[in-house]
N, C-alpha and C. Protein backbone atom coordinates (compact mmCIF):
# COMPACT_ATOMS: atom_id res chain seq x y z
N UNK A 1 -38.82 -18.82 20.46
CA UNK A 1 -37.75 -17.83 20.48
C UNK A 1 -37.96 -16.86 19.34
N UNK A 2 -37.61 -15.59 19.59
CA UNK A 2 -37.80 -14.50 18.63
C UNK A 2 -36.58 -14.44 17.72
N UNK A 3 -36.76 -14.54 16.37
CA UNK A 3 -35.65 -14.50 15.44
C UNK A 3 -35.58 -13.20 14.66
N UNK A 4 -36.41 -12.23 14.98
CA UNK A 4 -36.41 -10.98 14.26
C UNK A 4 -35.95 -9.84 15.13
N UNK A 5 -36.32 -8.63 14.76
CA UNK A 5 -35.95 -7.46 15.53
C UNK A 5 -36.82 -7.37 16.76
N UNK A 6 -36.25 -7.01 17.88
CA UNK A 6 -37.02 -6.77 19.08
C UNK A 6 -36.73 -5.35 19.55
N UNK A 7 -37.52 -4.86 20.45
CA UNK A 7 -37.43 -3.47 20.89
C UNK A 7 -36.06 -3.17 21.48
N UNK A 8 -35.35 -2.21 20.92
CA UNK A 8 -34.07 -1.77 21.45
C UNK A 8 -32.87 -2.49 20.89
N UNK A 9 -33.02 -3.65 20.28
CA UNK A 9 -31.86 -4.32 19.69
C UNK A 9 -32.32 -5.25 18.58
N UNK A 10 -31.37 -5.74 17.81
CA UNK A 10 -31.67 -6.58 16.66
C UNK A 10 -31.05 -7.95 16.90
N UNK A 11 -31.82 -9.00 16.70
CA UNK A 11 -31.30 -10.36 16.79
C UNK A 11 -31.18 -10.90 15.37
N UNK A 12 -30.08 -11.58 15.13
CA UNK A 12 -29.85 -12.17 13.82
C UNK A 12 -29.94 -13.68 13.92
N UNK A 13 -30.51 -14.31 12.89
CA UNK A 13 -30.51 -15.77 12.88
C UNK A 13 -29.10 -16.25 12.53
N UNK A 14 -28.85 -17.55 12.58
CA UNK A 14 -27.51 -18.11 12.36
C UNK A 14 -26.90 -17.73 11.03
N UNK A 15 -27.70 -17.80 9.94
CA UNK A 15 -27.18 -17.47 8.62
C UNK A 15 -26.81 -15.99 8.53
N UNK A 16 -27.63 -15.12 9.13
CA UNK A 16 -27.34 -13.69 9.11
C UNK A 16 -26.09 -13.37 9.92
N UNK A 17 -25.91 -14.07 11.06
CA UNK A 17 -24.71 -13.86 11.86
C UNK A 17 -23.47 -14.29 11.09
N UNK A 18 -23.54 -15.41 10.40
CA UNK A 18 -22.41 -15.88 9.60
C UNK A 18 -22.10 -14.90 8.48
N UNK A 19 -23.13 -14.36 7.84
CA UNK A 19 -22.93 -13.39 6.78
C UNK A 19 -22.31 -12.10 7.32
N UNK A 20 -22.78 -11.63 8.48
CA UNK A 20 -22.22 -10.43 9.09
C UNK A 20 -20.76 -10.65 9.44
N UNK A 21 -20.42 -11.81 9.98
CA UNK A 21 -19.03 -12.12 10.31
C UNK A 21 -18.19 -12.19 9.04
N UNK A 22 -18.74 -12.70 7.98
CA UNK A 22 -18.02 -12.82 6.70
C UNK A 22 -17.69 -11.43 6.16
N UNK A 23 -18.61 -10.49 6.30
CA UNK A 23 -18.37 -9.13 5.80
C UNK A 23 -17.27 -8.44 6.58
N UNK A 24 -17.06 -8.83 7.83
CA UNK A 24 -16.05 -8.19 8.66
C UNK A 24 -14.67 -8.81 8.46
N UNK A 25 -14.59 -9.92 7.76
CA UNK A 25 -13.32 -10.59 7.55
C UNK A 25 -12.42 -9.73 6.67
N UNK A 26 -11.15 -9.71 7.01
CA UNK A 26 -10.17 -8.96 6.23
C UNK A 26 -9.72 -9.84 5.07
N UNK A 27 -9.81 -9.29 3.88
CA UNK A 27 -9.36 -10.02 2.70
C UNK A 27 -8.39 -9.17 1.92
N UNK A 28 -7.55 -9.80 1.15
CA UNK A 28 -6.65 -9.08 0.27
C UNK A 28 -7.02 -9.44 -1.16
N UNK A 29 -7.05 -8.45 -2.03
CA UNK A 29 -7.44 -8.69 -3.41
C UNK A 29 -6.26 -9.19 -4.24
N UNK A 30 -5.04 -8.82 -3.85
CA UNK A 30 -3.87 -9.22 -4.62
C UNK A 30 -3.14 -10.35 -3.89
N UNK A 31 -2.67 -11.34 -4.62
CA UNK A 31 -1.91 -12.40 -3.96
C UNK A 31 -0.58 -11.86 -3.45
N UNK A 32 -0.10 -12.41 -2.35
CA UNK A 32 1.19 -11.99 -1.81
C UNK A 32 2.28 -12.62 -2.67
N UNK A 33 3.23 -11.80 -3.06
CA UNK A 33 4.32 -12.26 -3.91
C UNK A 33 5.34 -13.01 -3.07
N UNK A 34 6.01 -14.00 -3.65
CA UNK A 34 7.05 -14.70 -2.91
C UNK A 34 8.20 -13.75 -2.58
N UNK A 35 8.90 -13.98 -1.47
CA UNK A 35 9.96 -13.06 -1.03
C UNK A 35 11.04 -12.81 -2.08
N UNK A 36 11.34 -13.79 -2.93
CA UNK A 36 12.41 -13.61 -3.91
C UNK A 36 12.08 -12.59 -5.00
N UNK A 37 10.81 -12.23 -5.14
CA UNK A 37 10.45 -11.22 -6.13
C UNK A 37 9.97 -9.92 -5.48
N UNK A 38 10.08 -9.84 -4.15
CA UNK A 38 9.72 -8.61 -3.44
C UNK A 38 10.95 -7.70 -3.37
N UNK A 39 10.72 -6.41 -3.20
CA UNK A 39 11.81 -5.45 -3.11
C UNK A 39 11.46 -4.36 -2.11
N UNK A 40 12.47 -3.82 -1.46
CA UNK A 40 12.30 -2.64 -0.62
C UNK A 40 12.47 -1.42 -1.51
N UNK A 41 11.59 -0.46 -1.36
CA UNK A 41 11.62 0.75 -2.18
C UNK A 41 11.64 1.95 -1.27
N UNK A 42 12.51 2.88 -1.54
CA UNK A 42 12.61 4.13 -0.78
C UNK A 42 12.21 5.26 -1.72
N UNK A 43 11.17 5.99 -1.34
CA UNK A 43 10.70 7.11 -2.15
C UNK A 43 11.15 8.40 -1.47
N UNK A 44 11.80 9.26 -2.23
CA UNK A 44 12.31 10.52 -1.71
C UNK A 44 11.66 11.64 -2.50
N UNK A 45 11.12 12.62 -1.79
CA UNK A 45 10.49 13.77 -2.42
C UNK A 45 11.49 14.92 -2.48
N UNK A 46 11.49 15.65 -3.57
CA UNK A 46 12.26 16.88 -3.67
C UNK A 46 13.71 16.71 -4.08
N UNK A 47 14.08 15.57 -4.62
CA UNK A 47 15.45 15.38 -5.08
C UNK A 47 15.43 15.02 -6.56
N UNK A 48 16.51 15.37 -7.24
CA UNK A 48 16.64 15.07 -8.66
C UNK A 48 18.00 14.43 -8.90
N UNK A 49 18.07 13.61 -9.94
CA UNK A 49 19.34 13.02 -10.36
C UNK A 49 20.08 14.06 -11.17
N UNK A 50 21.30 14.40 -10.75
CA UNK A 50 22.08 15.41 -11.49
C UNK A 50 23.38 14.84 -12.04
N UNK A 51 23.81 13.70 -11.54
CA UNK A 51 25.07 13.10 -11.99
C UNK A 51 24.83 12.01 -13.00
N UNK A 52 25.92 11.44 -13.46
CA UNK A 52 25.86 10.32 -14.38
C UNK A 52 26.71 9.19 -13.82
N UNK A 53 26.45 8.00 -14.27
CA UNK A 53 27.26 6.85 -13.90
C UNK A 53 28.15 6.49 -15.07
N UNK A 54 29.47 6.53 -14.86
CA UNK A 54 30.36 6.14 -15.96
C UNK A 54 30.31 4.63 -16.17
N UNK A 55 30.68 4.19 -17.34
CA UNK A 55 30.69 2.77 -17.65
C UNK A 55 31.69 2.04 -16.75
N UNK A 56 32.85 2.65 -16.52
CA UNK A 56 33.86 2.08 -15.63
C UNK A 56 34.26 3.12 -14.59
N UNK A 57 34.56 2.66 -13.40
CA UNK A 57 35.05 3.57 -12.37
C UNK A 57 33.93 4.19 -11.56
N UNK A 58 34.33 5.16 -10.75
CA UNK A 58 33.42 5.85 -9.85
C UNK A 58 33.19 7.26 -10.37
N UNK A 59 31.95 7.72 -10.33
CA UNK A 59 31.61 9.06 -10.81
C UNK A 59 32.20 10.11 -9.89
N UNK A 60 32.70 11.19 -10.48
CA UNK A 60 33.20 12.31 -9.69
C UNK A 60 32.10 13.36 -9.45
N UNK A 61 30.97 13.18 -10.14
CA UNK A 61 29.85 14.09 -10.00
C UNK A 61 29.02 13.74 -8.77
N UNK A 62 28.33 14.73 -8.23
CA UNK A 62 27.34 14.48 -7.19
C UNK A 62 26.16 13.78 -7.88
N UNK A 63 25.72 12.64 -7.33
CA UNK A 63 24.65 11.91 -8.03
C UNK A 63 23.28 12.54 -7.91
N UNK A 64 23.02 13.22 -6.79
CA UNK A 64 21.69 13.77 -6.54
C UNK A 64 21.81 15.20 -6.04
N UNK A 65 20.71 15.94 -6.22
CA UNK A 65 20.64 17.29 -5.70
C UNK A 65 19.20 17.61 -5.31
N UNK A 66 19.04 18.71 -4.60
CA UNK A 66 17.70 19.13 -4.21
C UNK A 66 17.03 19.89 -5.35
N UNK A 67 15.77 19.60 -5.58
CA UNK A 67 15.01 20.28 -6.62
C UNK A 67 14.65 21.69 -6.14
N UNK A 68 14.91 22.68 -6.96
CA UNK A 68 14.54 24.05 -6.60
C UNK A 68 13.04 24.29 -6.76
N UNK A 69 12.36 23.39 -7.47
CA UNK A 69 10.92 23.53 -7.70
C UNK A 69 10.07 22.91 -6.59
N UNK A 70 10.65 22.05 -5.78
CA UNK A 70 9.88 21.34 -4.76
C UNK A 70 9.86 22.15 -3.47
N UNK A 71 8.66 22.44 -3.01
CA UNK A 71 8.47 23.21 -1.77
C UNK A 71 7.48 22.46 -0.89
N UNK A 72 7.97 21.74 0.11
CA UNK A 72 7.09 20.97 0.96
C UNK A 72 6.21 21.86 1.82
N UNK A 73 6.56 23.13 1.96
CA UNK A 73 5.69 24.05 2.71
C UNK A 73 4.41 24.40 1.94
N UNK A 74 4.40 24.10 0.64
CA UNK A 74 3.21 24.31 -0.17
C UNK A 74 2.16 23.25 0.19
N UNK A 75 0.95 23.66 0.59
CA UNK A 75 -0.07 22.68 0.97
C UNK A 75 -0.38 21.65 -0.12
N UNK A 76 -0.31 22.05 -1.39
CA UNK A 76 -0.59 21.09 -2.46
C UNK A 76 0.53 20.07 -2.59
N UNK A 77 1.76 20.46 -2.36
CA UNK A 77 2.87 19.49 -2.35
C UNK A 77 2.69 18.51 -1.21
N UNK A 78 2.24 18.99 -0.05
CA UNK A 78 1.98 18.12 1.09
C UNK A 78 0.86 17.14 0.76
N UNK A 79 -0.21 17.64 0.15
CA UNK A 79 -1.35 16.77 -0.19
C UNK A 79 -0.95 15.69 -1.19
N UNK A 80 -0.21 16.07 -2.23
CA UNK A 80 0.20 15.09 -3.24
C UNK A 80 1.16 14.06 -2.66
N UNK A 81 2.08 14.51 -1.82
CA UNK A 81 3.02 13.58 -1.19
C UNK A 81 2.30 12.63 -0.25
N UNK A 82 1.40 13.15 0.55
CA UNK A 82 0.63 12.31 1.47
C UNK A 82 -0.26 11.34 0.70
N UNK A 83 -0.85 11.79 -0.40
CA UNK A 83 -1.70 10.92 -1.20
C UNK A 83 -0.92 9.73 -1.75
N UNK A 84 0.33 9.96 -2.15
CA UNK A 84 1.16 8.85 -2.63
C UNK A 84 1.41 7.85 -1.50
N UNK A 85 1.58 8.34 -0.28
CA UNK A 85 1.78 7.43 0.86
C UNK A 85 0.52 6.65 1.20
N UNK A 86 -0.61 7.34 1.24
CA UNK A 86 -1.86 6.73 1.72
C UNK A 86 -2.57 5.94 0.62
N UNK A 87 -2.49 6.39 -0.62
CA UNK A 87 -3.18 5.74 -1.73
C UNK A 87 -2.19 5.38 -2.84
N UNK A 88 -1.26 4.47 -2.57
CA UNK A 88 -0.29 4.13 -3.62
C UNK A 88 -0.97 3.39 -4.77
N UNK A 89 -0.40 3.44 -5.95
CA UNK A 89 -0.98 2.71 -7.08
C UNK A 89 -1.08 1.22 -6.77
N UNK A 90 -2.23 0.61 -7.07
CA UNK A 90 -2.44 -0.81 -6.77
C UNK A 90 -1.47 -1.73 -7.50
N UNK A 91 -1.02 -1.32 -8.69
CA UNK A 91 -0.12 -2.18 -9.45
C UNK A 91 1.24 -2.35 -8.77
N UNK A 92 1.55 -1.52 -7.76
CA UNK A 92 2.79 -1.69 -7.02
C UNK A 92 2.73 -2.84 -6.03
N UNK A 93 1.52 -3.30 -5.69
CA UNK A 93 1.32 -4.45 -4.79
C UNK A 93 2.10 -4.29 -3.49
N UNK A 94 1.91 -3.16 -2.84
CA UNK A 94 2.62 -2.85 -1.60
C UNK A 94 2.07 -3.71 -0.46
N UNK A 95 2.98 -4.40 0.23
CA UNK A 95 2.59 -5.24 1.36
C UNK A 95 2.59 -4.47 2.66
N UNK A 96 3.56 -3.61 2.86
CA UNK A 96 3.62 -2.77 4.05
C UNK A 96 4.39 -1.50 3.70
N UNK A 97 4.14 -0.46 4.47
CA UNK A 97 4.80 0.81 4.19
C UNK A 97 4.97 1.59 5.47
N UNK A 98 5.89 2.53 5.43
CA UNK A 98 6.13 3.43 6.55
C UNK A 98 6.35 4.81 5.94
N UNK A 99 5.51 5.75 6.30
CA UNK A 99 5.58 7.09 5.73
C UNK A 99 5.52 8.11 6.84
N UNK A 100 6.54 8.92 6.96
CA UNK A 100 6.60 9.89 8.05
C UNK A 100 5.55 10.98 7.92
N UNK A 101 4.99 11.17 6.72
CA UNK A 101 3.98 12.20 6.52
C UNK A 101 2.65 11.86 7.18
N UNK A 102 2.37 10.56 7.34
CA UNK A 102 1.13 10.13 7.96
C UNK A 102 1.19 10.46 9.46
N UNK A 103 0.24 11.21 9.92
CA UNK A 103 0.20 11.58 11.33
C UNK A 103 1.05 12.78 11.69
N UNK A 104 1.68 13.42 10.70
CA UNK A 104 2.52 14.57 10.97
C UNK A 104 1.70 15.81 11.14
């Protein structure tokens, strides 16, 4: 039996097949955190905190407002926002995400 390359296709021996299968395996570099230390995070672009929280009672101020500096129609703002969705910082240990900018 031929264990090398043949005309038109390549045959792999058992060890090479196992190695090729190993390279295709999906691995995660970061351990999955237990559910009690996981959190849901909502990231909003173009808003700023404008109110304050009083020590007691409910604030009469509006807590958030729209940033006058943020323009999503600017291609660079779109690129930076999309980059945060697609390439989040590894130290955040994101398990899953949903970003409306992807595929838009």
